[in-house]
Amino acid sequence: MSVAIEFSSIFAKYTNNQMDIKAEGKTVGECLHDLARQYPEFGEIILDKNRDLLPSFDIFVNGEDTYPHTMTYQVKDGDKINIVLIVHGG
């Protein structure tokens, strides 16, 4: 299944200035792993050593927050995944 992955332009330098990328998978996790395969530097930024999403990021599918089941959240052909950087601080 092919989904579109979008993210902030601050990460475009890790994806050859592409900000709307197609990825394959049945879950968000599979799609993120496919994204990391296509763009390893970006994968190092969003995934930890166990290939789980780092806590500095949140994932939305078609505008719906996927937390707390992000990596196992089911996707279908044509869905849109948004990777959002969580801003910490106070």
PDB file of N, CA and C in Angstrom:
ATOM      1  N   MET A   1       0.837  -1.169   0.000  1.00  0.00           N
ATOM      2  CA  MET A   1       0.000   0.000   0.000  1.00  0.00           C
ATOM      3  C   MET A   1       0.887   1.239   0.000  1.00  0.00           C
ATOM      4  N   SER A   2       0.487   2.203  -0.745  1.00  0.00           N
ATOM      5  CA  SER A   2       1.260   3.427  -0.848  1.00  0.00           C
ATOM      6  C   SER A   2       0.567   4.555  -0.088  1.00  0.00           C
ATOM      7  N   VAL A   3       1.330   5.212   0.778  1.00  0.00           N
ATOM      8  CA  VAL A   3       0.823   6.368   1.520  1.00  0.00           C
ATOM      9  C   VAL A   3       1.736   7.555   1.255  1.00  0.00           C
ATOM     10  N   ALA A   4       1.215   8.746   1.473  1.00  0.00           N
ATOM     11  CA  ALA A   4       2.016   9.968   1.354  1.00  0.00           C
ATOM     12  C   ALA A   4       2.489  10.350   2.748  1.00  0.00           C
ATOM     13  N   ILE A   5       3.764  10.702   2.862  1.00  0.00           N
ATOM     14  CA  ILE A   5       4.315  11.160   4.128  1.00  0.00           C
ATOM     15  C   ILE A   5       4.742  12.607   3.961  1.00  0.00           C
ATOM     16  N   GLU A   6       4.249  13.454   4.855  1.00  0.00           N
ATOM     17  CA  GLU A   6       4.591  14.869   4.834  1.00  0.00           C
ATOM     18  C   GLU A   6       5.195  15.266   6.177  1.00  0.00           C
ATOM     19  N   PHE A   7       6.059  16.277   6.153  1.00  0.00           N
ATOM     20  CA  PHE A   7       6.725  16.743   7.361  1.00  0.00           C
ATOM     21  C   PHE A   7       7.200  18.163   7.138  1.00  0.00           C
ATOM     22  N   SER A   8       7.707  18.788   8.189  1.00  0.00           N
ATOM     23  CA  SER A   8       8.161  20.169   8.130  1.00  0.00           C
ATOM     24  C   SER A   8       9.351  20.340   7.187  1.00  0.00           C
ATOM     25  N   SER A   9       9.423  21.512   6.592  1.00  0.00           N
ATOM     26  CA  SER A   9      10.514  21.812   5.666  1.00  0.00           C
ATOM     27  C   SER A   9      11.885  21.801   6.340  1.00  0.00           C
ATOM     28  N   ILE A  10      11.935  21.883   7.671  1.00  0.00           N
ATOM     29  CA  ILE A  10      13.244  21.850   8.337  1.00  0.00           C
ATOM     30  C   ILE A  10      13.944  20.512   8.155  1.00  0.00           C
ATOM     31  N   PHE A  11      13.209  19.480   7.794  1.00  0.00           N
ATOM     32  CA  PHE A  11      13.797  18.162   7.585  1.00  0.00           C
ATOM     33  C   PHE A  11      14.096  17.860   6.117  1.00  0.00           C
ATOM     34  N   ALA A  12      13.765  18.764   5.233  1.00  0.00           N
ATOM     35  CA  ALA A  12      13.921  18.522   3.795  1.00  0.00           C
ATOM     36  C   ALA A  12      15.370  18.275   3.393  1.00  0.00           C
ATOM     37  N   LYS A  13      16.318  18.815   4.138  1.00  0.00           N
ATOM     38  CA  LYS A  13      17.729  18.610   3.791  1.00  0.00           C
ATOM     39  C   LYS A  13      18.125  17.141   3.929  1.00  0.00           C
ATOM     40  N   TYR A  14      17.343  16.360   4.662  1.00  0.00           N
ATOM     41  CA  TYR A  14      17.625  14.934   4.831  1.00  0.00           C
ATOM     42  C   TYR A  14      16.927  14.062   3.786  1.00  0.00           C
ATOM     43  N   THR A  15      16.090  14.693   2.959  1.00  0.00           N
ATOM     44  CA  THR A  15      15.312  13.942   1.966  1.00  0.00           C
ATOM     45  C   THR A  15      15.460  14.535   0.561  1.00  0.00           C
ATOM     46  N   ASN A  16      16.641  15.067   0.275  1.00  0.00           N
ATOM     47  CA  ASN A  16      16.885  15.676  -1.042  1.00  0.00           C
ATOM     48  C   ASN A  16      15.838  16.733  -1.381  1.00  0.00           C
ATOM     49  N   ASN A  17      15.450  17.504  -0.379  1.00  0.00           N
ATOM     50  CA  ASN A  17      14.468  18.584  -0.500  1.00  0.00           C
ATOM     51  C   ASN A  17      13.073  18.112  -0.896  1.00  0.00           C
ATOM     52  N   GLN A  18      12.798  16.839  -0.688  1.00  0.00           N
ATOM     53  CA  GLN A  18      11.456  16.311  -0.921  1.00  0.00           C
ATOM     54  C   GLN A  18      10.682  16.400   0.391  1.00  0.00           C
ATOM     55  N   MET A  19       9.468  16.914   0.345  1.00  0.00           N
ATOM     56  CA  MET A  19       8.656  17.029   1.556  1.00  0.00           C
ATOM     57  C   MET A  19       7.336  16.270   1.455  1.00  0.00           C
ATOM     58  N   ASP A  20       7.104  15.618   0.360  1.00  0.00           N
ATOM     59  CA  ASP A  20       5.917  14.791   0.165  1.00  0.00           C
ATOM     60  C   ASP A  20       6.405  13.493  -0.466  1.00  0.00           C
ATOM     61  N   ILE A  21       6.592  12.484   0.361  1.00  0.00           N
ATOM     62  CA  ILE A  21       7.253  11.251  -0.066  1.00  0.00           C
ATOM     63  C   ILE A  21       6.266  10.098  -0.019  1.00  0.00           C
ATOM     64  N   LYS A  22       6.341   9.228  -0.975  1.00  0.00           N
ATOM     65  CA  LYS A  22       5.526   8.015  -0.985  1.00  0.00           C
ATOM     66  C   LYS A  22       6.277   6.919  -0.244  1.00  0.00           C
ATOM     67  N   ALA A  23       5.548   6.168   0.568  1.00  0.00           N
ATOM     68  CA  ALA A  23       6.125   5.040   1.289  1.00  0.00           C
ATOM     69  C   ALA A  23       5.149   3.874   1.239  1.00  0.00           C
ATOM     70  N   GLU A  24       5.691   2.691   1.442  1.00  0.00           N
ATOM     71  CA  GLU A  24       4.895   1.468   1.383  1.00  0.00           C
ATOM     72  C   GLU A  24       4.786   0.857   2.772  1.00  0.00           C
ATOM     73  N   GLY A  25       3.626   0.279   3.072  1.00  0.00           N
ATOM     74  CA  GLY A  25       3.445  -0.433   4.321  1.00  0.00           C
ATOM     75  C   GLY A  25       1.982  -0.561   4.689  1.00  0.00           C
ATOM     76  N   LYS A  26       1.718  -1.466   5.621  1.00  0.00           N
ATOM     77  CA  LYS A  26       0.363  -1.690   6.120  1.00  0.00           C
ATOM     78  C   LYS A  26       0.132  -0.991   7.454  1.00  0.00           C
ATOM     79  N   THR A  27       1.235  -0.572   8.102  1.00  0.00           N
ATOM     80  CA  THR A  27       1.154   0.149   9.375  1.00  0.00           C
ATOM     81  C   THR A  27       2.021   1.399   9.277  1.00  0.00           C
ATOM     82  N   VAL A  28       1.822   2.310  10.224  1.00  0.00           N
ATOM     83  CA  VAL A  28       2.670   3.497  10.279  1.00  0.00           C
ATOM     84  C   VAL A  28       4.122   3.075  10.433  1.00  0.00           C
ATOM     85  N   GLY A  29       4.381   2.101  11.296  1.00  0.00           N
ATOM     86  CA  GLY A  29       5.753   1.636  11.508  1.00  0.00           C
ATOM     87  C   GLY A  29       6.398   1.147  10.225  1.00  0.00           C
ATOM     88  N   GLU A  30       5.690   0.334   9.457  1.00  0.00           N
ATOM     89  CA  GLU A  30       6.231  -0.164   8.189  1.00  0.00           C
ATOM     90  C   GLU A  30       6.514   0.991   7.238  1.00  0.00           C
ATOM     91  N   CYS A  31       5.630   1.974   7.213  1.00  0.00           N
ATOM     92  CA  CYS A  31       5.828   3.137   6.336  1.00  0.00           C
ATOM     93  C   CYS A  31       7.033   3.974   6.782  1.00  0.00           C
ATOM     94  N   LEU A  32       7.192   4.150   8.092  1.00  0.00           N
ATOM     95  CA  LEU A  32       8.344   4.896   8.586  1.00  0.00           C
ATOM     96  C   LEU A  32       9.639   4.144   8.306  1.00  0.00           C
ATOM     97  N   HIS A  33       9.616   2.824   8.413  1.00  0.00           N
ATOM     98  CA  HIS A  33      10.800   2.038   8.091  1.00  0.00           C
ATOM     99  C   HIS A  33      11.124   2.133   6.601  1.00  0.00           C
ATOM    100  N   ASP A  34      10.096   2.173   5.749  1.00  0.00           N
ATOM    101  CA  ASP A  34      10.331   2.356   4.319  1.00  0.00           C
ATOM    102  C   ASP A  34      10.908   3.741   4.048  1.00  0.00           C
ATOM    103  N   LEU A  35      10.402   4.755   4.734  1.00  0.00           N
ATOM    104  CA  LEU A  35      10.947   6.101   4.611  1.00  0.00           C
ATOM    105  C   LEU A  35      12.420   6.109   5.029  1.00  0.00           C
ATOM    106  N   ALA A  36      12.740   5.440   6.135  1.00  0.00           N
ATOM    107  CA  ALA A  36      14.125   5.373   6.616  1.00  0.00           C
ATOM    108  C   ALA A  36      15.013   4.614   5.632  1.00  0.00           C
ATOM    109  N   ARG A  37      14.454   3.634   4.952  1.00  0.00           N
ATOM    110  CA  ARG A  37      15.221   2.906   3.932  1.00  0.00           C
ATOM    111  C   ARG A  37      15.546   3.830   2.763  1.00  0.00           C
ATOM    112  N   GLN A  38      14.563   4.640   2.368  1.00  0.00           N
ATOM    113  CA  GLN A  38      14.760   5.563   1.249  1.00  0.00           C
ATOM    114  C   GLN A  38      15.705   6.703   1.616  1.00  0.00           C
ATOM    115  N   TYR A  39      15.608   7.193   2.856  1.00  0.00           N
ATOM    116  CA  TYR A  39      16.382   8.350   3.317  1.00  0.00           C
ATOM    117  C   TYR A  39      16.977   8.027   4.692  1.00  0.00           C
ATOM    118  N   PRO A  40      18.080   7.282   4.719  1.00  0.00           N
ATOM    119  CA  PRO A  40      18.660   6.820   5.998  1.00  0.00           C
ATOM    120  C   PRO A  40      18.963   7.933   7.000  1.00  0.00           C
ATOM    121  N   GLU A  41      19.415   9.089   6.540  1.00  0.00           N
ATOM    122  CA  GLU A  41      19.707  10.180   7.478  1.00  0.00           C
ATOM    123  C   GLU A  41      18.441  10.637   8.197  1.00  0.00           C
ATOM    124  N   PHE A  42      17.347  10.720   7.469  1.00  0.00           N
ATOM    125  CA  PHE A  42      16.083  11.112   8.090  1.00  0.00           C
ATOM    126  C   PHE A  42      15.636  10.035   9.072  1.00  0.00           C
ATOM    127  N   GLY A  43      15.833   8.781   8.700  1.00  0.00           N
ATOM    128  CA  GLY A  43      15.498   7.678   9.593  1.00  0.00           C
ATOM    129  C   GLY A  43      16.232   7.766  10.911  1.00  0.00           C
ATOM    130  N   GLU A  44      17.500   8.179  10.874  1.00  0.00           N
ATOM    131  CA  GLU A  44      18.290   8.322  12.095  1.00  0.00           C
ATOM    132  C   GLU A  44      17.751   9.427  12.994  1.00  0.00           C
ATOM    133  N   ILE A  45      17.077  10.388  12.422  1.00  0.00           N
ATOM    134  CA  ILE A  45      16.531  11.507  13.191  1.00  0.00           C
ATOM    135  C   ILE A  45      15.217  11.130  13.868  1.00  0.00           C
ATOM    136  N   ILE A  46      14.383  10.336  13.198  1.00  0.00           N
ATOM    137  CA  ILE A  46      13.046  10.058  13.744  1.00  0.00           C
ATOM    138  C   ILE A  46      12.923   8.719  14.463  1.00  0.00           C
ATOM    139  N   LEU A  47      13.863   7.787  14.213  1.00  0.00           N
ATOM    140  CA  LEU A  47      13.775   6.450  14.810  1.00  0.00           C
ATOM    141  C   LEU A  47      14.935   6.203  15.771  1.00  0.00           C
ATOM    142  N   ASP A  48      14.654   5.477  16.848  1.00  0.00           N
ATOM    143  CA  ASP A  48      15.719   5.121  17.786  1.00  0.00           C
ATOM    144  C   ASP A  48      16.436   3.864  17.313  1.00  0.00           C
ATOM    145  N   LYS A  49      17.382   3.366  18.113  1.00  0.00           N
ATOM    146  CA  LYS A  49      18.187   2.205  17.710  1.00  0.00           C
ATOM    147  C   LYS A  49      17.354   0.931  17.578  1.00  0.00           C
ATOM    148  N   ASN A  50      16.169   0.906  18.214  1.00  0.00           N
ATOM    149  CA  ASN A  50      15.257  -0.235  18.081  1.00  0.00           C
ATOM    150  C   ASN A  50      14.251  -0.053  16.949  1.00  0.00           C
ATOM    151  N   ARG A  51      14.427   1.023  16.201  1.00  0.00           N
ATOM    152  CA  ARG A  51      13.579   1.366  15.060  1.00  0.00           C
ATOM    153  C   ARG A  51      12.160   1.760  15.481  1.00  0.00           C
ATOM    154  N   ASP A  52      12.046   2.293  16.706  1.00  0.00           N
ATOM    155  CA  ASP A  52      10.790   2.857  17.189  1.00  0.00           C
ATOM    156  C   ASP A  52      10.843   4.367  17.018  1.00  0.00           C
ATOM    157  N   LEU A  53       9.689   4.978  16.934  1.00  0.00           N
ATOM    158  CA  LEU A  53       9.613   6.429  16.799  1.00  0.00           C
ATOM    159  C   LEU A  53      10.141   7.098  18.060  1.00  0.00           C
ATOM    160  N   LEU A  54      11.008   8.086  17.882  1.00  0.00           N
ATOM    161  CA  LEU A  54      11.520   8.833  19.021  1.00  0.00           C
ATOM    162  C   LEU A  54      10.390   9.658  19.648  1.00  0.00           C
ATOM    163  N   PRO A  55      10.444   9.887  20.976  1.00  0.00           N
ATOM    164  CA  PRO A  55       9.361  10.595  21.657  1.00  0.00           C
ATOM    165  C   PRO A  55       9.256  12.075  21.285  1.00  0.00           C
ATOM    166  N   SER A  56      10.185  12.586  20.515  1.00  0.00           N
ATOM    167  CA  SER A  56      10.128  13.990  20.077  1.00  0.00           C
ATOM    168  C   SER A  56       9.200  14.190  18.886  1.00  0.00           C
ATOM    169  N   PHE A  57       8.580  13.110  18.422  1.00  0.00           N
ATOM    170  CA  PHE A  57       7.724  13.184  17.243  1.00  0.00           C
ATOM    171  C   PHE A  57       6.345  12.618  17.529  1.00  0.00           C
ATOM    172  N   ASP A  58       5.366  13.158  16.828  1.00  0.00           N
ATOM    173  CA  ASP A  58       4.005  12.640  16.876  1.00  0.00           C
ATOM    174  C   ASP A  58       3.597  12.369  15.432  1.00  0.00           C
ATOM    175  N   ILE A  59       2.737  11.399  15.245  1.00  0.00           N
ATOM    176  CA  ILE A  59       2.303  10.997  13.908  1.00  0.00           C
ATOM    177  C   ILE A  59       0.785  11.136  13.815  1.00  0.00           C
ATOM    178  N   PHE A  60       0.353  11.721  12.713  1.00  0.00           N
ATOM    179  CA  PHE A  60      -1.066  11.828  12.411  1.00  0.00           C
ATOM    180  C   PHE A  60      -1.329  11.110  11.094  1.00  0.00           C
ATOM    181  N   VAL A  61      -2.433  10.391  11.017  1.00  0.00           N
ATOM    182  CA  VAL A  61      -2.870   9.756   9.771  1.00  0.00           C
ATOM    183  C   VAL A  61      -4.202  10.380   9.410  1.00  0.00           C
ATOM    184  N   ASN A  62      -4.229  11.033   8.266  1.00  0.00           N
ATOM    185  CA  ASN A  62      -5.441  11.727   7.809  1.00  0.00           C
ATOM    186  C   ASN A  62      -5.982  12.665   8.888  1.00  0.00           C
ATOM    187  N   GLY A  63      -5.071  13.329   9.605  1.00  0.00           N
ATOM    188  CA  GLY A  63      -5.450  14.294  10.624  1.00  0.00           C
ATOM    189  C   GLY A  63      -5.750  13.714  11.993  1.00  0.00           C
ATOM    190  N   GLU A  64      -5.685  12.390  12.139  1.00  0.00           N
ATOM    191  CA  GLU A  64      -5.979  11.740  13.410  1.00  0.00           C
ATOM    192  C   GLU A  64      -4.689  11.332  14.114  1.00  0.00           C
ATOM    193  N   ASP A  65      -4.554  11.728  15.384  1.00  0.00           N
ATOM    194  CA  ASP A  65      -3.379  11.367  16.173  1.00  0.00           C
ATOM    195  C   ASP A  65      -3.332   9.846  16.357  1.00  0.00           C
ATOM    196  N   THR A  66      -2.162   9.246  16.184  1.00  0.00           N
ATOM    197  CA  THR A  66      -2.015   7.797  16.268  1.00  0.00           C
ATOM    198  C   THR A  66      -1.526   7.314  17.629  1.00  0.00           C
ATOM    199  N   TYR A  67      -1.196   8.240  18.518  1.00  0.00           N
ATOM    200  CA  TYR A  67      -0.686   7.871  19.838  1.00  0.00           C
ATOM    201  C   TYR A  67      -1.777   7.192  20.645  1.00  0.00           C
ATOM    202  N   PRO A  68      -1.532   6.160  21.392  1.00  0.00           N
ATOM    203  CA  PRO A  68      -0.269   5.542  21.756  1.00  0.00           C
ATOM    204  C   PRO A  68       0.112   4.322  20.914  1.00  0.00           C
ATOM    205  N   HIS A  69      -0.593   4.057  19.857  1.00  0.00           N
ATOM    206  CA  HIS A  69      -0.345   2.855  19.040  1.00  0.00           C
ATOM    207  C   HIS A  69       0.289   3.208  17.704  1.00  0.00           C
ATOM    208  N   THR A  70       1.167   4.177  17.711  1.00  0.00           N
ATOM    209  CA  THR A  70       1.690   4.741  16.473  1.00  0.00           C
ATOM    210  C   THR A  70       2.275   3.694  15.530  1.00  0.00           C
ATOM    211  N   MET A  71       3.198   2.901  15.988  1.00  0.00           N
ATOM    212  CA  MET A  71       3.913   2.004  15.079  1.00  0.00           C
ATOM    213  C   MET A  71       3.027   0.882  14.541  1.00  0.00           C
ATOM    214  N   THR A  72       1.966   0.526  15.244  1.00  0.00           N
ATOM    215  CA  THR A  72       1.073  -0.547  14.789  1.00  0.00           C
ATOM    216  C   THR A  72      -0.220  -0.016  14.171  1.00  0.00           C
ATOM    217  N   TYR A  73      -0.349   1.294  14.111  1.00  0.00           N
ATOM    218  CA  TYR A  73      -1.555   1.925  13.559  1.00  0.00           C
ATOM    219  C   TYR A  73      -1.698   1.533  12.083  1.00  0.00           C
ATOM    220  N   GLN A  74      -2.832   0.983  11.715  1.00  0.00           N
ATOM    221  CA  GLN A  74      -3.086   0.508  10.361  1.00  0.00           C
ATOM    222  C   GLN A  74      -3.290   1.668   9.388  1.00  0.00           C
ATOM    223  N   VAL A  75      -2.723   1.542   8.200  1.00  0.00           N
ATOM    224  CA  VAL A  75      -2.938   2.517   7.134  1.00  0.00           C
ATOM    225  C   VAL A  75      -3.438   1.787   5.898  1.00  0.00           C
ATOM    226  N   LYS A  76      -4.048   2.568   5.007  1.00  0.00           N
ATOM    227  CA  LYS A  76      -4.529   1.989   3.753  1.00  0.00           C
ATOM    228  C   LYS A  76      -4.026   2.833   2.587  1.00  0.00           C
ATOM    229  N   ASP A  77      -4.117   2.280   1.423  1.00  0.00           N
ATOM    230  CA  ASP A  77      -3.654   2.947   0.215  1.00  0.00           C
ATOM    231  C   ASP A  77      -4.264   4.344   0.111  1.00  0.00           C
ATOM    232  N   GLY A  78      -3.416   5.339  -0.104  1.00  0.00           N
ATOM    233  CA  GLY A  78      -3.879   6.705  -0.271  1.00  0.00           C
ATOM    234  C   GLY A  78      -3.919   7.535   0.998  1.00  0.00           C
ATOM    235  N   ASP A  79      -3.662   6.918   2.163  1.00  0.00           N
ATOM    236  CA  ASP A  79      -3.645   7.683   3.409  1.00  0.00           C
ATOM    237  C   ASP A  79      -2.509   8.699   3.397  1.00  0.00           C
ATOM    238  N   LYS A  80      -2.640   9.701   4.274  1.00  0.00           N
ATOM    239  CA  LYS A  80      -1.592  10.718   4.423  1.00  0.00           C
ATOM    240  C   LYS A  80      -1.077  10.688   5.853  1.00  0.00           C
ATOM    241  N   ILE A  81       0.227  10.474   5.977  1.00  0.00           N
ATOM    242  CA  ILE A  81       0.898  10.494   7.270  1.00  0.00           C
ATOM    243  C   ILE A  81       1.618  11.816   7.428  1.00  0.00           C
ATOM    244  N   ASN A  82       1.400  12.474   8.558  1.00  0.00           N
ATOM    245  CA  ASN A  82       2.132  13.704   8.877  1.00  0.00           C
ATOM    246  C   ASN A  82       3.031  13.426  10.065  1.00  0.00           C
ATOM    247  N   ILE A  83       4.311  13.764   9.912  1.00  0.00           N
ATOM    248  CA  ILE A  83       5.286  13.647  10.993  1.00  0.00           C
ATOM    249  C   ILE A  83       5.434  15.038  11.600  1.00  0.00           C
ATOM    250  N   VAL A  84       5.146  15.133  12.899  1.00  0.00           N
ATOM    251  CA  VAL A  84       5.151  16.429  13.578  1.00  0.00           C
ATOM    252  C   VAL A  84       6.201  16.401  14.689  1.00  0.00           C
ATOM    253  N   LEU A  85       7.077  17.391  14.678  1.00  0.00           N
ATOM    254  CA  LEU A  85       8.067  17.562  15.739  1.00  0.00           C
ATOM    255  C   LEU A  85       7.371  18.180  16.946  1.00  0.00           C
ATOM    256  N   ILE A  86       7.524  17.540  18.097  1.00  0.00           N
ATOM    257  CA  ILE A  86       6.934  18.049  19.331  1.00  0.00           C
ATOM    258  C   ILE A  86       7.928  19.034  19.939  1.00  0.00           C
ATOM    259  N   VAL A  87       7.454  20.237  20.215  1.00  0.00           N
ATOM    260  CA  VAL A  87       8.303  21.256  20.811  1.00  0.00           C
ATOM    261  C   VAL A  87       8.208  21.129  22.333  1.00  0.00           C
ATOM    262  N   HIS A  88       9.351  20.912  22.967  1.00  0.00           N
ATOM    263  CA  HIS A  88       9.420  20.768  24.412  1.00  0.00           C
ATOM    264  C   HIS A  88       9.881  22.073  25.043  1.00  0.00           C
ATOM    265  N   GLY A  89       9.575  22.253  26.260  1.00  0.00           N
ATOM    266  CA  GLY A  89      10.052  23.424  26.984  1.00  0.00           C
ATOM    267  C   GLY A  89       8.938  24.062  27.795  1.00  0.00           C
ATOM    268  N   GLY A  90       9.247  25.201  28.345  1.00  0.00           N
ATOM    269  CA  GLY A  90       8.224  25.802  29.183  1.00  0.00           C
ATOM    270  C   GLY A  90       8.350  27.292  29.242  1.00  0.00           C
TER     271      GLY A  90
END
